[in-house]
Amino acid sequence: MARAVADWRAKHGDVCPGYNRPPHPATDLTADHLLPRAQGGGPGSPLAVLCRSCNSARGAGIDAR
């Protein structure tokens, strides 16, 4: 998961792509399971990157990015 965030930062810098809001500066980037852990996502499931606020707003919903 840390690798996903590091790769994102190397390519995009400290920018959150946003969840239901435009991309914005963010230093608190986190790995986001596209299939939430609560719904069966785990270590091998695809990851995206969001800031903590956007990740929390997305919650346990499934995202079809």
PDB file of N, CA and C in Angstrom:
ATOM      1  N   MET A   1       0.820  -1.179   0.000  1.00  0.00           N
ATOM      2  CA  MET A   1       0.000   0.000   0.000  1.00  0.00           C
ATOM      3  C   MET A   1       0.873   1.254   0.000  1.00  0.00           C
ATOM      4  N   ALA A   2       1.947   1.233   0.740  1.00  0.00           N
ATOM      5  CA  ALA A   2       2.852   2.380   0.733  1.00  0.00           C
ATOM      6  C   ALA A   2       3.452   2.569  -0.656  1.00  0.00           C
ATOM      7  N   ARG A   3       3.659   1.470  -1.357  1.00  0.00           N
ATOM      8  CA  ARG A   3       4.220   1.539  -2.706  1.00  0.00           C
ATOM      9  C   ARG A   3       3.259   2.264  -3.647  1.00  0.00           C
ATOM     10  N   ALA A   4       1.967   2.032  -3.520  1.00  0.00           N
ATOM     11  CA  ALA A   4       0.977   2.701  -4.368  1.00  0.00           C
ATOM     12  C   ALA A   4       1.033   4.212  -4.158  1.00  0.00           C
ATOM     13  N   VAL A   5       1.157   4.640  -2.900  1.00  0.00           N
ATOM     14  CA  VAL A   5       1.230   6.070  -2.597  1.00  0.00           C
ATOM     15  C   VAL A   5       2.547   6.657  -3.111  1.00  0.00           C
ATOM     16  N   ALA A   6       3.644   5.942  -2.917  1.00  0.00           N
ATOM     17  CA  ALA A   6       4.947   6.423  -3.391  1.00  0.00           C
ATOM     18  C   ALA A   6       4.956   6.552  -4.913  1.00  0.00           C
ATOM     19  N   ASP A   7       4.395   5.573  -5.605  1.00  0.00           N
ATOM     20  CA  ASP A   7       4.320   5.632  -7.069  1.00  0.00           C
ATOM     21  C   ASP A   7       3.466   6.810  -7.528  1.00  0.00           C
ATOM     22  N   TRP A   8       2.351   7.034  -6.846  1.00  0.00           N
ATOM     23  CA  TRP A   8       1.466   8.166  -7.177  1.00  0.00           C
ATOM     24  C   TRP A   8       2.212   9.485  -6.997  1.00  0.00           C
ATOM     25  N   ARG A   9       2.885   9.629  -5.855  1.00  0.00           N
ATOM     26  CA  ARG A   9       3.622  10.873  -5.579  1.00  0.00           C
ATOM     27  C   ARG A   9       4.714  11.109  -6.621  1.00  0.00           C
ATOM     28  N   ALA A  10       5.405  10.045  -7.047  1.00  0.00           N
ATOM     29  CA  ALA A  10       6.467  10.184  -8.045  1.00  0.00           C
ATOM     30  C   ALA A  10       5.915  10.697  -9.369  1.00  0.00           C
ATOM     31  N   LYS A  11       4.705  10.309  -9.689  1.00  0.00           N
ATOM     32  CA  LYS A  11       4.104  10.696 -10.969  1.00  0.00           C
ATOM     33  C   LYS A  11       3.303  11.995 -10.883  1.00  0.00           C
ATOM     34  N   HIS A  12       2.567  12.184  -9.767  1.00  0.00           N
ATOM     35  CA  HIS A  12       1.613  13.299  -9.674  1.00  0.00           C
ATOM     36  C   HIS A  12       1.922  14.311  -8.580  1.00  0.00           C
ATOM     37  N   GLY A  13       2.840  13.996  -7.684  1.00  0.00           N
ATOM     38  CA  GLY A  13       3.114  14.880  -6.558  1.00  0.00           C
ATOM     39  C   GLY A  13       2.065  14.724  -5.467  1.00  0.00           C
ATOM     40  N   ASP A  14       1.975  15.701  -4.594  1.00  0.00           N
ATOM     41  CA  ASP A  14       1.016  15.670  -3.484  1.00  0.00           C
ATOM     42  C   ASP A  14      -0.324  16.235  -3.934  1.00  0.00           C
ATOM     43  N   VAL A  15      -0.979  15.486  -4.786  1.00  0.00           N
ATOM     44  CA  VAL A  15      -2.286  15.884  -5.317  1.00  0.00           C
ATOM     45  C   VAL A  15      -3.243  14.703  -5.192  1.00  0.00           C
ATOM     46  N   CYS A  16      -4.386  14.957  -4.572  1.00  0.00           N
ATOM     47  CA  CYS A  16      -5.443  13.950  -4.493  1.00  0.00           C
ATOM     48  C   CYS A  16      -6.302  14.083  -5.749  1.00  0.00           C
ATOM     49  N   PRO A  17      -6.623  12.979  -6.416  1.00  0.00           N
ATOM     50  CA  PRO A  17      -7.459  13.074  -7.607  1.00  0.00           C
ATOM     51  C   PRO A  17      -8.901  13.474  -7.284  1.00  0.00           C
ATOM     52  N   GLY A  18      -9.250  13.411  -6.011  1.00  0.00           N
ATOM     53  CA  GLY A  18     -10.579  13.820  -5.574  1.00  0.00           C
ATOM     54  C   GLY A  18     -11.605  12.717  -5.661  1.00  0.00           C
ATOM     55  N   TYR A  19     -12.548  12.757  -4.759  1.00  0.00           N
ATOM     56  CA  TYR A  19     -13.700  11.859  -4.788  1.00  0.00           C
ATOM     57  C   TYR A  19     -14.926  12.748  -4.641  1.00  0.00           C
ATOM     58  N   ASN A  20     -15.708  12.826  -5.685  1.00  0.00           N
ATOM     59  CA  ASN A  20     -16.860  13.734  -5.751  1.00  0.00           C
ATOM     60  C   ASN A  20     -16.455  15.183  -5.534  1.00  0.00           C
ATOM     61  N   ARG A  21     -15.232  15.512  -5.903  1.00  0.00           N
ATOM     62  CA  ARG A  21     -14.725  16.886  -5.881  1.00  0.00           C
ATOM     63  C   ARG A  21     -13.511  16.932  -6.809  1.00  0.00           C
ATOM     64  N   PRO A  22     -13.119  18.106  -7.243  1.00  0.00           N
ATOM     65  CA  PRO A  22     -11.976  18.213  -8.158  1.00  0.00           C
ATOM     66  C   PRO A  22     -10.664  17.810  -7.486  1.00  0.00           C
ATOM     67  N   PRO A  23      -9.650  17.491  -8.297  1.00  0.00           N
ATOM     68  CA  PRO A  23      -8.322  17.228  -7.729  1.00  0.00           C
ATOM     69  C   PRO A  23      -7.868  18.428  -6.901  1.00  0.00           C
ATOM     70  N   HIS A  24      -7.086  18.137  -5.843  1.00  0.00           N
ATOM     71  CA  HIS A  24      -6.658  19.191  -4.929  1.00  0.00           C
ATOM     72  C   HIS A  24      -5.347  18.806  -4.243  1.00  0.00           C
ATOM     73  N   PRO A  25      -4.586  19.809  -3.787  1.00  0.00           N
ATOM     74  CA  PRO A  25      -3.344  19.517  -3.067  1.00  0.00           C
ATOM     75  C   PRO A  25      -3.651  18.747  -1.782  1.00  0.00           C
ATOM     76  N   ALA A  26      -2.803  17.766  -1.466  1.00  0.00           N
ATOM     77  CA  ALA A  26      -2.994  16.986  -0.240  1.00  0.00           C
ATOM     78  C   ALA A  26      -1.695  16.287   0.129  1.00  0.00           C
ATOM     79  N   THR A  27      -1.293  16.422   1.367  1.00  0.00           N
ATOM     80  CA  THR A  27      -0.080  15.736   1.823  1.00  0.00           C
ATOM     81  C   THR A  27      -0.415  14.464   2.589  1.00  0.00           C
ATOM     82  N   ASP A  28      -1.697  14.223   2.856  1.00  0.00           N
ATOM     83  CA  ASP A  28      -2.120  13.052   3.624  1.00  0.00           C
ATOM     84  C   ASP A  28      -2.707  11.968   2.716  1.00  0.00           C
ATOM     85  N   LEU A  29      -1.964  11.627   1.663  1.00  0.00           N
ATOM     86  CA  LEU A  29      -2.438  10.629   0.706  1.00  0.00           C
ATOM     87  C   LEU A  29      -2.435   9.234   1.318  1.00  0.00           C
ATOM     88  N   THR A  30      -3.439   8.446   0.964  1.00  0.00           N
ATOM     89  CA  THR A  30      -3.573   7.078   1.457  1.00  0.00           C
ATOM     90  C   THR A  30      -3.905   6.157   0.299  1.00  0.00           C
ATOM     91  N   ALA A  31      -3.586   4.883   0.464  1.00  0.00           N
ATOM     92  CA  ALA A  31      -3.999   3.880  -0.514  1.00  0.00           C
ATOM     93  C   ALA A  31      -5.476   3.587  -0.268  1.00  0.00           C
ATOM     94  N   ASP A  32      -6.214   3.469  -1.337  1.00  0.00           N
ATOM     95  CA  ASP A  32      -7.661   3.243  -1.264  1.00  0.00           C
ATOM     96  C   ASP A  32      -7.969   1.949  -1.994  1.00  0.00           C
ATOM     97  N   HIS A  33      -8.558   0.977  -1.294  1.00  0.00           N
ATOM     98  CA  HIS A  33      -8.955  -0.277  -1.941  1.00  0.00           C
ATOM     99  C   HIS A  33     -10.171  -0.013  -2.831  1.00  0.00           C
ATOM    100  N   LEU A  34     -10.054  -0.311  -4.115  1.00  0.00           N
ATOM    101  CA  LEU A  34     -11.193  -0.110  -5.009  1.00  0.00           C
ATOM    102  C   LEU A  34     -12.343  -1.035  -4.628  1.00  0.00           C
ATOM    103  N   LEU A  35     -12.030  -2.238  -4.177  1.00  0.00           N
ATOM    104  CA  LEU A  35     -13.025  -3.122  -3.578  1.00  0.00           C
ATOM    105  C   LEU A  35     -12.739  -3.076  -2.080  1.00  0.00           C
ATOM    106  N   PRO A  36     -13.577  -2.388  -1.299  1.00  0.00           N
ATOM    107  CA  PRO A  36     -13.297  -2.197   0.121  1.00  0.00           C
ATOM    108  C   PRO A  36     -13.039  -3.503   0.861  1.00  0.00           C
ATOM    109  N   ARG A  37     -12.178  -3.432   1.847  1.00  0.00           N
ATOM    110  CA  ARG A  37     -11.855  -4.614   2.648  1.00  0.00           C
ATOM    111  C   ARG A  37     -13.115  -5.211   3.252  1.00  0.00           C
ATOM    112  N   ALA A  38     -14.059  -4.361   3.644  1.00  0.00           N
ATOM    113  CA  ALA A  38     -15.302  -4.838   4.246  1.00  0.00           C
ATOM    114  C   ALA A  38     -16.128  -5.668   3.264  1.00  0.00           C
ATOM    115  N   GLN A  39     -15.819  -5.539   1.970  1.00  0.00           N
ATOM    116  CA  GLN A  39     -16.568  -6.271   0.952  1.00  0.00           C
ATOM    117  C   GLN A  39     -15.687  -7.286   0.227  1.00  0.00           C
ATOM    118  N   GLY A  40     -14.608  -7.691   0.869  1.00  0.00           N
ATOM    119  CA  GLY A  40     -13.776  -8.750   0.307  1.00  0.00           C
ATOM    120  C   GLY A  40     -12.465  -8.307  -0.298  1.00  0.00           C
ATOM    121  N   GLY A  41     -12.210  -7.004  -0.389  1.00  0.00           N
ATOM    122  CA  GLY A  41     -10.935  -6.525  -0.900  1.00  0.00           C
ATOM    123  C   GLY A  41      -9.833  -6.862   0.084  1.00  0.00           C
ATOM    124  N   GLY A  42      -8.656  -7.045  -0.403  1.00  0.00           N
ATOM    125  CA  GLY A  42      -7.561  -7.401   0.482  1.00  0.00           C
ATOM    126  C   GLY A  42      -6.232  -7.029  -0.117  1.00  0.00           C
ATOM    127  N   PRO A  43      -5.168  -7.665   0.353  1.00  0.00           N
ATOM    128  CA  PRO A  43      -3.820  -7.308  -0.087  1.00  0.00           C
ATOM    129  C   PRO A  43      -3.614  -7.363  -1.599  1.00  0.00           C
ATOM    130  N   GLY A  44      -4.288  -8.234  -2.293  1.00  0.00           N
ATOM    131  CA  GLY A  44      -4.088  -8.350  -3.733  1.00  0.00           C
ATOM    132  C   GLY A  44      -5.076  -7.551  -4.565  1.00  0.00           C
ATOM    133  N   SER A  45      -6.010  -6.861  -3.918  1.00  0.00           N
ATOM    134  CA  SER A  45      -7.018  -6.130  -4.689  1.00  0.00           C
ATOM    135  C   SER A  45      -6.442  -4.816  -5.212  1.00  0.00           C
ATOM    136  N   PRO A  46      -6.993  -4.302  -6.305  1.00  0.00           N
ATOM    137  CA  PRO A  46      -6.477  -3.056  -6.893  1.00  0.00           C
ATOM    138  C   PRO A  46      -6.578  -1.876  -5.928  1.00  0.00           C
ATOM    139  N   LEU A  47      -5.592  -1.000  -6.026  1.00  0.00           N
ATOM    140  CA  LEU A  47      -5.544   0.186  -5.171  1.00  0.00           C
ATOM    141  C   LEU A  47      -5.565   1.452  -6.016  1.00  0.00           C
ATOM    142  N   ALA A  48      -6.090   2.496  -5.431  1.00  0.00           N
ATOM    143  CA  ALA A  48      -6.004   3.841  -5.984  1.00  0.00           C
ATOM    144  C   ALA A  48      -5.451   4.707  -4.853  1.00  0.00           C
ATOM    145  N   VAL A  49      -5.317   5.984  -5.088  1.00  0.00           N
ATOM    146  CA  VAL A  49      -4.811   6.898  -4.063  1.00  0.00           C
ATOM    147  C   VAL A  49      -5.815   8.028  -3.882  1.00  0.00           C
ATOM    148  N   LEU A  50      -6.122   8.323  -2.620  1.00  0.00           N
ATOM    149  CA  LEU A  50      -6.974   9.449  -2.241  1.00  0.00           C
ATOM    150  C   LEU A  50      -6.402  10.059  -0.968  1.00  0.00           C
ATOM    151  N   CYS A  51      -6.753  11.307  -0.678  1.00  0.00           N
ATOM    152  CA  CYS A  51      -6.395  11.881   0.613  1.00  0.00           C
ATOM    153  C   CYS A  51      -7.315  11.265   1.672  1.00  0.00           C
ATOM    154  N   ARG A  52      -6.964  11.447   2.925  1.00  0.00           N
ATOM    155  CA  ARG A  52      -7.765  10.848   3.998  1.00  0.00           C
ATOM    156  C   ARG A  52      -9.222  11.316   3.960  1.00  0.00           C
ATOM    157  N   SER A  53      -9.431  12.586   3.679  1.00  0.00           N
ATOM    158  CA  SER A  53     -10.787  13.125   3.645  1.00  0.00           C
ATOM    159  C   SER A  53     -11.617  12.464   2.542  1.00  0.00           C
ATOM    160  N   CYS A  54     -11.061  12.380   1.336  1.00  0.00           N
ATOM    161  CA  CYS A  54     -11.789  11.753   0.225  1.00  0.00           C
ATOM    162  C   CYS A  54     -11.977  10.258   0.474  1.00  0.00           C
ATOM    163  N   ASN A  55     -10.959   9.598   1.035  1.00  0.00           N
ATOM    164  CA  ASN A  55     -11.062   8.171   1.330  1.00  0.00           C
ATOM    165  C   ASN A  55     -12.186   7.930   2.331  1.00  0.00           C
ATOM    166  N   SER A  56     -12.275   8.776   3.357  1.00  0.00           N
ATOM    167  CA  SER A  56     -13.348   8.637   4.343  1.00  0.00           C
ATOM    168  C   SER A  56     -14.706   8.911   3.724  1.00  0.00           C
ATOM    169  N   ALA A  57     -14.780   9.912   2.847  1.00  0.00           N
ATOM    170  CA  ALA A  57     -16.053  10.247   2.197  1.00  0.00           C
ATOM    171  C   ALA A  57     -16.526   9.099   1.314  1.00  0.00           C
ATOM    172  N   ARG A  58     -15.581   8.404   0.675  1.00  0.00           N
ATOM    173  CA  ARG A  58     -15.941   7.264  -0.176  1.00  0.00           C
ATOM    174  C   ARG A  58     -16.423   6.103   0.657  1.00  0.00           C
ATOM    175  N   GLY A  59     -15.875   5.959   1.851  1.00  0.00           N
ATOM    176  CA  GLY A  59     -16.321   4.916   2.774  1.00  0.00           C
ATOM    177  C   GLY A  59     -16.168   3.537   2.179  1.00  0.00           C
ATOM    178  N   ALA A  60     -17.168   2.711   2.379  1.00  0.00           N
ATOM    179  CA  ALA A  60     -17.128   1.314   1.953  1.00  0.00           C
ATOM    180  C   ALA A  60     -17.828   1.094   0.621  1.00  0.00           C
ATOM    181  N   GLY A  61     -18.027   2.157  -0.147  1.00  0.00           N
ATOM    182  CA  GLY A  61     -18.653   1.996  -1.457  1.00  0.00           C
ATOM    183  C   GLY A  61     -17.701   1.384  -2.461  1.00  0.00           C
ATOM    184  N   ILE A  62     -18.235   0.703  -3.433  1.00  0.00           N
ATOM    185  CA  ILE A  62     -17.422   0.140  -4.510  1.00  0.00           C
ATOM    186  C   ILE A  62     -17.266   1.195  -5.583  1.00  0.00           C
ATOM    187  N   ASP A  63     -16.045   1.410  -6.012  1.00  0.00           N
ATOM    188  CA  ASP A  63     -15.743   2.432  -7.006  1.00  0.00           C
ATOM    189  C   ASP A  63     -15.322   1.749  -8.310  1.00  0.00           C
ATOM    190  N   ALA A  64     -15.915   2.148  -9.394  1.00  0.00           N
ATOM    191  CA  ALA A  64     -15.597   1.552 -10.701  1.00  0.00           C
ATOM    192  C   ALA A  64     -14.626   2.427 -11.465  1.00  0.00           C
ATOM    193  N   ARG A  65     -13.515   2.819 -10.831  1.00  0.00           N
ATOM    194  CA  ARG A  65     -12.530   3.673 -11.511  1.00  0.00           C
ATOM    195  C   ARG A  65     -11.866   2.936 -12.630  1.00  0.00           C
TER     196      ARG A  65
END
